[in-house]
Amino acid sequence: MPTLHVVLGPTAVGKTAYAIELAQRLGTEIVSCDSRQFYSELNIGVARPSPDELAAAPHHFIACRSVCNPYNAFDYGNDAFKLITQLFLSHNDVVAVGGSGLYVDALCHGINLLPDPSPELRQRLSQRIANGELPDMLDELARLDPSYYASVDRSNPIRVQRALEVCLTAGVPYSQLLARPLPKRPFEVNLIALLRHRDLLRNRIYRRVDLMMEQGLLDEVKSLLHLRHLNTLHTVGYRELFAFLDGSTSLQQAIDAIKNNTWHYAKKQLTWIKRYDKITYINL
């Protein structure tokens, strides 16, 4: 049976380099499961693979759409499944890589169709986030769906808003809909989790943020100011610099916040990985 090799791990652990090496060794192609690297306007702040890395092995789902046309996990799961079905016609193996757990699950197992909220509900929740009401929304999510609340990245307003949209639209917990049985995928899944010592990983994250600033992350964020209302830009590396550009924090405070928030996100990714039963751990 064809095999999908899925390279997991926290941000900055070295997934891109490992996935390229694996794809070259297997003579195959790479499917990205990184929910932030889908967007063409986001480059430095999402650590998009460099042109040389993209040339080293064929990549899919990198800079493939605009932030004005957001991608949910259900649609991504369907599109990615169609793509790898085609890739398996000419390859025995395909490599997937990414740190977005929900999108990894959508590719490996499929994901249930979730109801779309009314435009009014989505606008109301988006406005609440813009008004700084994320803590209140988290309290609401804890009441409506304590199971999902326990696992969600609470610093990610997109995930929180989506869960509330589904809870309020369907009238049942988001986690209950996600847990419905799905048909088995016609391929084997080989999960590979990359790890590093926590102190080394934290240092790699901090160095990466410094490098992003040297590469021009602030200019990238400035170019997106007119789009800052979009949920896809309420993400680490962008929202902190928006705060600096608003004058509500200093540049150094914004940089420190990016480092700390990225480290917290990495720890969330490690927690998500622990959900998987059959997985191979590789300590780099």
Foldseek 3Di string as FASTA:
>chain_A
DFEEEEEEAAPLLCQLVVLLVVCVVQVAAEEELAQLQLALLDDLLSPQDDPVSCVSHPYPSGNNHHLVDHDDLQNLLVVLLVVVVVRVVPGSYYYYYYLPLSNVCCNQFNFFDFDAADPVLLVVLLVCVVVVNLVVLLVVLCVQAVPVSVQDPSLQSVVSSVQVRRCVVVVHGPVVRRPDHGDHRPHHYAAEYEAEPLVVSLVSLLVSLVVSVVVPLLVSLVVCVVVCSRSSQSDQSNVLSVCVVVVNDPPVVSSVVSSVSSSSSSVSSVVSVVVDDRHHYDYD
